Amino acid sequence: MTISFTVNGEERSVDVDPDTPLLWVLRDELRLTGTKFGCGIAQCGACTVHLDGSPRRSCVTPVSMVEGSDITTIEGLSGPEAEAVQAAWRAIDVPQCGYCQSGQVMSATALLQQVSSPSDEDIDNAMAGNICRCATYVRIRQAIHDAARTLEG
């Protein structure tokens, strides 16, 4: 079955089983490997992408559900919120191993696109389900606050 959607601003069509998880279409068919496999059950957040502007776990999203949708992966993430998050991540060295970071950055960027000055509770709620095995949660929260301050000017 041919399924068409936009990825990072580019129209794409794939001929795959409609039940194939979006994660594997992105990684194996489209060679966009920044989105990671972590658990396969939407519990870790490593596979987070933006689907029509909202964070979505691609490991449990059948590609048939994204027909006609706009998908953004870490490779295509852009805009002031994304730039502020990425700069804050670098400034305070958030990642250790880095495996979860694409999902963390995708979720943090989506949060700042919705809430310009998030509280700790806002951050905890938005980032829930993004697991960091290196436990850099304090730095992640600080980086999100720093990015929000940068955006405020």
N, C-alpha and C. Protein backbone atom coordinates (compact mmCIF):
# COMPACT_ATOMS: atom_id res chain seq x y z
N MET A 1 0.85 -1.19 0.00
CA MET A 1 0.00 0.00 0.00
C MET A 1 0.89 1.24 0.00
N THR A 2 0.59 2.19 -0.85
CA THR A 2 1.35 3.43 -0.91
C THR A 2 0.73 4.45 0.03
N ILE A 3 1.57 5.01 0.87
CA ILE A 3 1.14 6.00 1.85
C ILE A 3 1.97 7.25 1.64
N SER A 4 1.31 8.40 1.58
CA SER A 4 2.00 9.67 1.31
C SER A 4 1.84 10.61 2.50
N PHE A 5 2.91 11.34 2.78
CA PHE A 5 2.93 12.30 3.88
C PHE A 5 4.11 13.22 3.66
N THR A 6 4.22 14.23 4.48
CA THR A 6 5.34 15.17 4.39
C THR A 6 6.29 14.91 5.56
N VAL A 7 7.57 14.81 5.25
CA VAL A 7 8.59 14.64 6.29
C VAL A 7 9.60 15.77 6.14
N ASN A 8 9.72 16.56 7.19
CA ASN A 8 10.69 17.66 7.20
C ASN A 8 10.53 18.56 5.99
N GLY A 9 9.26 18.81 5.63
CA GLY A 9 8.96 19.72 4.54
C GLY A 9 8.99 19.11 3.16
N GLU A 10 9.27 17.83 3.05
CA GLU A 10 9.38 17.17 1.75
C GLU A 10 8.29 16.11 1.60
N GLU A 11 7.55 16.17 0.50
CA GLU A 11 6.52 15.15 0.22
C GLU A 11 7.21 13.81 0.01
N ARG A 12 6.70 12.79 0.70
CA ARG A 12 7.27 11.45 0.58
C ARG A 12 6.14 10.44 0.40
N SER A 13 6.41 9.39 -0.31
CA SER A 13 5.49 8.26 -0.46
C SER A 13 6.28 6.99 -0.23
N VAL A 14 5.66 6.07 0.47
CA VAL A 14 6.30 4.78 0.74
C VAL A 14 5.32 3.67 0.42
N ASP A 15 5.84 2.57 -0.05
CA ASP A 15 5.02 1.40 -0.34
C ASP A 15 5.39 0.33 0.69
N VAL A 16 4.65 0.33 1.80
CA VAL A 16 4.93 -0.58 2.91
C VAL A 16 3.62 -1.13 3.47
N ASP A 17 3.74 -2.13 4.30
CA ASP A 17 2.56 -2.64 5.02
C ASP A 17 2.00 -1.50 5.85
N PRO A 18 0.70 -1.25 5.80
CA PRO A 18 0.12 -0.11 6.52
C PRO A 18 0.28 -0.19 8.04
N ASP A 19 0.54 -1.37 8.57
CA ASP A 19 0.74 -1.52 10.01
C ASP A 19 2.18 -1.30 10.45
N THR A 20 3.08 -1.05 9.51
CA THR A 20 4.47 -0.81 9.86
C THR A 20 4.57 0.43 10.74
N PRO A 21 5.26 0.33 11.87
CA PRO A 21 5.43 1.52 12.71
C PRO A 21 6.17 2.63 11.95
N LEU A 22 5.71 3.85 12.15
CA LEU A 22 6.33 5.01 11.53
C LEU A 22 7.84 5.04 11.79
N LEU A 23 8.25 4.67 12.98
CA LEU A 23 9.69 4.65 13.31
C LEU A 23 10.50 3.90 12.27
N TRP A 24 10.03 2.71 11.89
CA TRP A 24 10.80 1.88 10.95
C TRP A 24 10.72 2.42 9.54
N VAL A 25 9.63 3.08 9.21
CA VAL A 25 9.55 3.72 7.89
C VAL A 25 10.58 4.86 7.83
N LEU A 26 10.62 5.67 8.89
CA LEU A 26 11.59 6.77 8.92
C LEU A 26 13.02 6.25 8.84
N ARG A 27 13.33 5.27 9.66
CA ARG A 27 14.71 4.77 9.74
C ARG A 27 15.11 3.91 8.55
N ASP A 28 14.27 2.93 8.20
CA ASP A 28 14.67 1.94 7.19
C ASP A 28 14.33 2.34 5.76
N GLU A 29 13.19 2.98 5.57
CA GLU A 29 12.78 3.35 4.21
C GLU A 29 13.33 4.72 3.81
N LEU A 30 13.28 5.68 4.75
CA LEU A 30 13.67 7.05 4.42
C LEU A 30 15.07 7.40 4.90
N ARG A 31 15.70 6.49 5.63
CA ARG A 31 17.09 6.66 6.11
C ARG A 31 17.27 7.87 7.02
N LEU A 32 16.23 8.20 7.77
CA LEU A 32 16.30 9.27 8.77
C LEU A 32 16.53 8.60 10.12
N THR A 33 17.78 8.47 10.51
CA THR A 33 18.13 7.64 11.66
C THR A 33 18.29 8.41 12.97
N GLY A 34 17.97 9.69 12.97
CA GLY A 34 18.04 10.46 14.21
C GLY A 34 16.98 10.05 15.22
N THR A 35 15.86 9.57 14.74
CA THR A 35 14.79 9.06 15.60
C THR A 35 15.20 7.67 16.03
N LYS A 36 15.23 7.43 17.33
CA LYS A 36 15.80 6.19 17.87
C LYS A 36 14.74 5.19 18.30
N PHE A 37 15.11 3.91 18.27
CA PHE A 37 14.31 2.85 18.87
C PHE A 37 14.81 2.64 20.28
N GLY A 38 13.88 2.67 21.23
CA GLY A 38 14.27 2.42 22.61
C GLY A 38 13.55 1.24 23.22
N CYS A 39 12.22 1.25 23.12
CA CYS A 39 11.45 0.22 23.81
C CYS A 39 10.41 -0.47 22.92
N GLY A 40 9.88 0.23 21.94
CA GLY A 40 8.86 -0.35 21.08
C GLY A 40 7.46 -0.34 21.65
N ILE A 41 7.27 0.25 22.84
CA ILE A 41 5.95 0.28 23.47
C ILE A 41 5.57 1.68 23.96
N ALA A 42 6.18 2.71 23.40
CA ALA A 42 5.85 4.11 23.69
C ALA A 42 6.09 4.50 25.14
N GLN A 43 7.07 3.89 25.78
CA GLN A 43 7.33 4.19 27.18
C GLN A 43 8.61 4.98 27.42
N CYS A 44 9.50 5.07 26.43
CA CYS A 44 10.80 5.71 26.71
C CYS A 44 10.98 7.07 26.04
N GLY A 45 10.29 7.34 24.94
CA GLY A 45 10.36 8.63 24.27
C GLY A 45 11.48 8.79 23.26
N ALA A 46 12.35 7.81 23.11
CA ALA A 46 13.47 7.94 22.17
C ALA A 46 13.00 8.11 20.73
N CYS A 47 11.79 7.64 20.44
CA CYS A 47 11.27 7.66 19.07
C CYS A 47 10.37 8.87 18.79
N THR A 48 10.39 9.88 19.66
CA THR A 48 9.47 11.00 19.52
C THR A 48 9.73 11.81 18.25
N VAL A 49 8.65 12.07 17.52
CA VAL A 49 8.65 12.96 16.36
C VAL A 49 7.49 13.94 16.57
N HIS A 50 7.40 14.93 15.73
CA HIS A 50 6.23 15.81 15.74
C HIS A 50 5.31 15.37 14.60
N LEU A 51 4.08 15.09 14.94
CA LEU A 51 3.06 14.72 13.97
C LEU A 51 2.03 15.83 13.96
N ASP A 52 1.99 16.56 12.86
CA ASP A 52 1.12 17.73 12.74
C ASP A 52 1.34 18.68 13.91
N GLY A 53 2.60 18.84 14.32
CA GLY A 53 2.97 19.80 15.34
C GLY A 53 2.95 19.31 16.77
N SER A 54 2.50 18.09 17.00
CA SER A 54 2.44 17.57 18.36
C SER A 54 3.39 16.38 18.53
N PRO A 55 3.99 16.24 19.71
CA PRO A 55 4.88 15.10 19.91
C PRO A 55 4.12 13.78 19.81
N ARG A 56 4.74 12.81 19.18
CA ARG A 56 4.11 11.51 18.98
C ARG A 56 5.19 10.42 19.03
N ARG A 57 4.87 9.31 19.68
CA ARG A 57 5.79 8.17 19.75
C ARG A 57 5.66 7.38 18.45
N SER A 58 6.70 7.42 17.64
CA SER A 58 6.63 6.81 16.31
C SER A 58 6.72 5.29 16.35
N CYS A 59 7.18 4.72 17.46
CA CYS A 59 7.31 3.25 17.51
C CYS A 59 5.97 2.54 17.57
N VAL A 60 4.92 3.24 17.98
CA VAL A 60 3.59 2.62 18.06
C VAL A 60 2.57 3.29 17.13
N THR A 61 3.05 4.11 16.23
CA THR A 61 2.18 4.81 15.29
C THR A 61 2.24 4.09 13.94
N PRO A 62 1.18 3.39 13.57
CA PRO A 62 1.18 2.74 12.25
C PRO A 62 1.29 3.79 11.15
N VAL A 63 2.10 3.52 10.15
CA VAL A 63 2.31 4.50 9.09
C VAL A 63 1.00 4.84 8.40
N SER A 64 0.03 3.96 8.41
CA SER A 64 -1.26 4.26 7.79
C SER A 64 -1.96 5.43 8.46
N MET A 65 -1.64 5.69 9.73
CA MET A 65 -2.27 6.80 10.47
C MET A 65 -1.71 8.16 10.07
N VAL A 66 -0.60 8.19 9.34
CA VAL A 66 0.02 9.48 9.02
C VAL A 66 -0.23 9.92 7.58
N GLU A 67 -1.08 9.20 6.87
CA GLU A 67 -1.44 9.60 5.49
C GLU A 67 -1.84 11.07 5.47
N GLY A 68 -1.16 11.86 4.65
CA GLY A 68 -1.48 13.27 4.50
C GLY A 68 -0.99 14.17 5.62
N SER A 69 -0.28 13.61 6.58
CA SER A 69 0.18 14.39 7.74
C SER A 69 1.53 15.03 7.49
N ASP A 70 1.87 15.93 8.39
CA ASP A 70 3.16 16.61 8.39
C ASP A 70 3.98 16.07 9.55
N ILE A 71 5.11 15.46 9.25
CA ILE A 71 5.97 14.86 10.26
C ILE A 71 7.28 15.63 10.29
N THR A 72 7.73 15.92 11.51
CA THR A 72 9.04 16.53 11.68
C THR A 72 9.87 15.60 12.55
N THR A 73 11.06 15.29 12.07
CA THR A 73 12.01 14.48 12.84
C THR A 73 13.11 15.41 13.36
N ILE A 74 13.99 14.87 14.16
CA ILE A 74 15.09 15.68 14.70
C ILE A 74 15.93 16.28 13.58
N GLU A 75 16.03 15.59 12.45
CA GLU A 75 16.82 16.12 11.33
C GLU A 75 16.20 17.38 10.74
N GLY A 76 14.89 17.53 10.84
CA GLY A 76 14.21 18.67 10.24
C GLY A 76 13.73 19.70 11.24
N LEU A 77 14.01 19.49 12.52
CA LEU A 77 13.54 20.41 13.55
C LEU A 77 14.20 21.77 13.38
N SER A 78 13.38 22.81 13.34
CA SER A 78 13.92 24.16 13.16
C SER A 78 12.99 25.17 13.81
N GLY A 79 13.39 26.41 13.77
CA GLY A 79 12.59 27.47 14.36
C GLY A 79 13.22 27.97 15.64
N PRO A 80 12.71 29.08 16.16
CA PRO A 80 13.34 29.70 17.32
C PRO A 80 13.34 28.80 18.56
N GLU A 81 12.26 28.06 18.81
CA GLU A 81 12.23 27.19 19.98
C GLU A 81 13.26 26.08 19.86
N ALA A 82 13.33 25.47 18.68
CA ALA A 82 14.30 24.40 18.46
C ALA A 82 15.73 24.92 18.62
N GLU A 83 15.99 26.08 18.07
CA GLU A 83 17.34 26.66 18.18
C GLU A 83 17.69 26.97 19.62
N ALA A 84 16.74 27.51 20.38
CA ALA A 84 16.97 27.83 21.79
C ALA A 84 17.21 26.56 22.60
N VAL A 85 16.42 25.53 22.35
CA VAL A 85 16.60 24.26 23.07
C VAL A 85 17.96 23.66 22.75
N GLN A 86 18.31 23.60 21.48
CA GLN A 86 19.58 23.00 21.09
C GLN A 86 20.76 23.78 21.66
N ALA A 87 20.68 25.10 21.67
CA ALA A 87 21.76 25.92 22.25
C ALA A 87 21.87 25.69 23.75
N ALA A 88 20.73 25.62 24.43
CA ALA A 88 20.75 25.37 25.88
C ALA A 88 21.31 23.99 26.19
N TRP A 89 20.95 23.01 25.38
CA TRP A 89 21.47 21.64 25.57
C TRP A 89 22.99 21.64 25.49
N ARG A 90 23.53 22.34 24.49
CA ARG A 90 24.98 22.40 24.32
C ARG A 90 25.64 23.19 25.44
N ALA A 91 25.02 24.30 25.83
CA ALA A 91 25.64 25.20 26.81
C ALA A 91 25.87 24.53 28.16
N ILE A 92 24.95 23.66 28.56
CA ILE A 92 25.15 23.03 29.87
C ILE A 92 25.42 21.52 29.74
N ASP A 93 25.82 21.09 28.56
CA ASP A 93 26.20 19.69 28.34
C ASP A 93 25.16 18.71 28.86
N VAL A 94 23.94 18.83 28.39
CA VAL A 94 22.87 17.94 28.85
C VAL A 94 23.18 16.47 28.58
N PRO A 95 23.55 16.09 27.35
CA PRO A 95 23.67 14.65 27.09
C PRO A 95 24.91 14.02 27.72
N GLN A 96 24.75 12.76 28.09
CA GLN A 96 25.91 11.95 28.45
C GLN A 96 26.10 10.95 27.31
N CYS A 97 25.32 9.89 27.28
CA CYS A 97 25.47 8.93 26.17
C CYS A 97 24.82 9.47 24.91
N GLY A 98 23.76 10.28 25.06
CA GLY A 98 23.11 10.92 23.92
C GLY A 98 21.99 10.15 23.26
N TYR A 99 21.80 8.89 23.64
CA TYR A 99 20.83 8.06 22.91
C TYR A 99 19.41 8.63 22.96
N CYS A 100 18.99 9.13 24.10
CA CYS A 100 17.61 9.62 24.26
C CYS A 100 17.43 11.05 23.78
N GLN A 101 18.50 11.71 23.43
CA GLN A 101 18.45 13.15 23.24
C GLN A 101 17.55 13.63 22.11
N SER A 102 17.46 12.89 21.02
CA SER A 102 16.57 13.38 19.95
C SER A 102 15.13 13.44 20.45
N GLY A 103 14.70 12.43 21.18
CA GLY A 103 13.34 12.45 21.74
C GLY A 103 13.17 13.54 22.78
N GLN A 104 14.19 13.75 23.61
CA GLN A 104 14.14 14.79 24.63
C GLN A 104 14.01 16.17 23.97
N VAL A 105 14.83 16.41 22.97
CA VAL A 105 14.81 17.71 22.27
C VAL A 105 13.48 17.92 21.56
N MET A 106 12.94 16.88 20.94
CA MET A 106 11.64 17.00 20.26
C MET A 106 10.55 17.36 21.25
N SER A 107 10.54 16.71 22.42
CA SER A 107 9.51 17.00 23.43
C SER A 107 9.69 18.38 24.04
N ALA A 108 10.93 18.76 24.33
CA ALA A 108 11.19 20.08 24.91
C ALA A 108 10.79 21.19 23.94
N THR A 109 11.10 21.01 22.68
CA THR A 109 10.74 22.01 21.67
C THR A 109 9.22 22.14 21.56
N ALA A 110 8.52 21.02 21.55
CA ALA A 110 7.05 21.07 21.49
C ALA A 110 6.48 21.80 22.70
N LEU A 111 7.06 21.56 23.86
CA LEU A 111 6.61 22.26 25.07
C LEU A 111 6.75 23.76 24.90
N LEU A 112 7.92 24.22 24.48
CA LEU A 112 8.15 25.67 24.36
C LEU A 112 7.33 26.29 23.23
N GLN A 113 6.91 25.50 22.27
CA GLN A 113 6.01 26.02 21.23
C GLN A 113 4.61 26.25 21.79
N GLN A 114 4.28 25.56 22.88
CA GLN A 114 2.95 25.68 23.48
C GLN A 114 2.94 26.55 24.73
N VAL A 115 4.03 26.52 25.51
CA VAL A 115 4.10 27.24 26.78
C VAL A 115 5.41 28.02 26.79
N SER A 116 5.33 29.34 26.71
CA SER A 116 6.54 30.14 26.56
C SER A 116 7.40 30.20 27.81
N SER A 117 6.80 30.11 28.96
CA SER A 117 7.56 30.18 30.22
C SER A 117 7.09 29.04 31.13
N PRO A 118 7.53 27.83 30.86
CA PRO A 118 7.00 26.68 31.59
C PRO A 118 7.49 26.61 33.04
N SER A 119 6.60 26.16 33.90
CA SER A 119 6.97 25.90 35.29
C SER A 119 7.63 24.52 35.36
N ASP A 120 8.18 24.19 36.52
CA ASP A 120 8.73 22.85 36.70
C ASP A 120 7.66 21.79 36.46
N GLU A 121 6.44 22.06 36.91
CA GLU A 121 5.35 21.11 36.70
C GLU A 121 5.03 20.95 35.21
N ASP A 122 5.02 22.06 34.47
CA ASP A 122 4.80 21.99 33.02
C ASP A 122 5.87 21.12 32.36
N ILE A 123 7.11 21.33 32.77
CA ILE A 123 8.22 20.56 32.20
C ILE A 123 8.08 19.09 32.55
N ASP A 124 7.78 18.80 33.82
CA ASP A 124 7.62 17.41 34.23
C ASP A 124 6.52 16.72 33.43
N ASN A 125 5.40 17.42 33.24
CA ASN A 125 4.29 16.83 32.49
C ASN A 125 4.64 16.62 31.03
N ALA A 126 5.29 17.59 30.41
CA ALA A 126 5.64 17.49 29.00
C ALA A 126 6.71 16.45 28.74
N MET A 127 7.61 16.30 29.69
CA MET A 127 8.74 15.39 29.51
C MET A 127 8.49 14.00 30.07
N ALA A 128 7.35 13.81 30.73
CA ALA A 128 7.02 12.49 31.27
C ALA A 128 7.03 11.46 30.14
N GLY A 129 7.64 10.36 30.39
CA GLY A 129 7.73 9.33 29.35
C GLY A 129 8.96 9.45 28.49
N ASN A 130 9.77 10.47 28.71
CA ASN A 130 11.07 10.57 28.04
C ASN A 130 12.10 10.10 29.06
N ILE A 131 12.56 8.89 28.87
CA ILE A 131 13.47 8.27 29.82
C ILE A 131 14.92 8.57 29.44
N CYS A 132 15.70 8.94 30.44
CA CYS A 132 17.14 9.14 30.26
C CYS A 132 17.86 8.17 31.20
N ARG A 133 18.46 7.16 30.64
CA ARG A 133 19.14 6.16 31.47
C ARG A 133 20.35 6.74 32.18
N CYS A 134 20.86 7.87 31.70
CA CYS A 134 21.99 8.53 32.36
C CYS A 134 21.53 9.48 33.46
N ALA A 135 20.22 9.65 33.58
CA ALA A 135 19.60 10.46 34.64
C ALA A 135 20.03 11.92 34.61
N THR A 136 19.99 12.52 33.44
CA THR A 136 20.36 13.94 33.32
C THR A 136 19.14 14.85 33.46
N TYR A 137 18.15 14.42 34.22
CA TYR A 137 16.89 15.15 34.32
C TYR A 137 17.05 16.56 34.87
N VAL A 138 17.95 16.77 35.81
CA VAL A 138 18.16 18.11 36.37
C VAL A 138 18.68 19.03 35.27
N ARG A 139 19.62 18.56 34.48
CA ARG A 139 20.16 19.38 33.38
C ARG A 139 19.11 19.60 32.29
N ILE A 140 18.29 18.58 32.02
CA ILE A 140 17.24 18.74 31.02
C ILE A 140 16.28 19.85 31.45
N ARG A 141 15.84 19.81 32.71
CA ARG A 141 14.92 20.84 33.21
C ARG A 141 15.59 22.21 33.13
N GLN A 142 16.85 22.31 33.55
CA GLN A 142 17.56 23.59 33.52
C GLN A 142 17.68 24.11 32.09
N ALA A 143 17.99 23.21 31.16
CA ALA A 143 18.13 23.63 29.76
C ALA A 143 16.80 24.15 29.21
N ILE A 144 15.70 23.55 29.58
CA ILE A 144 14.39 24.03 29.12
C ILE A 144 14.11 25.42 29.71
N HIS A 145 14.39 25.60 30.98
CA HIS A 145 14.22 26.95 31.57
C HIS A 145 15.14 27.96 30.87
N ASP A 146 16.39 27.57 30.61
CA ASP A 146 17.33 28.48 29.94
C ASP A 146 16.83 28.83 28.53
N ALA A 147 16.32 27.83 27.82
CA ALA A 147 15.80 28.08 26.46
C ALA A 147 14.61 29.03 26.52
N ALA A 148 13.74 28.86 27.50
CA ALA A 148 12.58 29.73 27.64
C ALA A 148 13.03 31.18 27.90
N ARG A 149 14.04 31.33 28.75
CA ARG A 149 14.56 32.69 29.02
C ARG A 149 15.17 33.30 27.76
N THR A 150 15.87 32.51 26.99
CA THR A 150 16.44 32.99 25.74
C THR A 150 15.34 33.47 24.79
N LEU A 151 14.27 32.73 24.71
CA LEU A 151 13.15 33.09 23.83
C LEU A 151 12.44 34.36 24.31
N GLU A 152 12.44 34.57 25.63
CA GLU A 152 11.80 35.78 26.17
C GLU A 152 12.58 37.03 25.81
N GLY A 153 13.88 36.83 25.51
CA GLY A 153 14.71 37.93 25.07
C GLY A 153 15.39 38.65 26.16
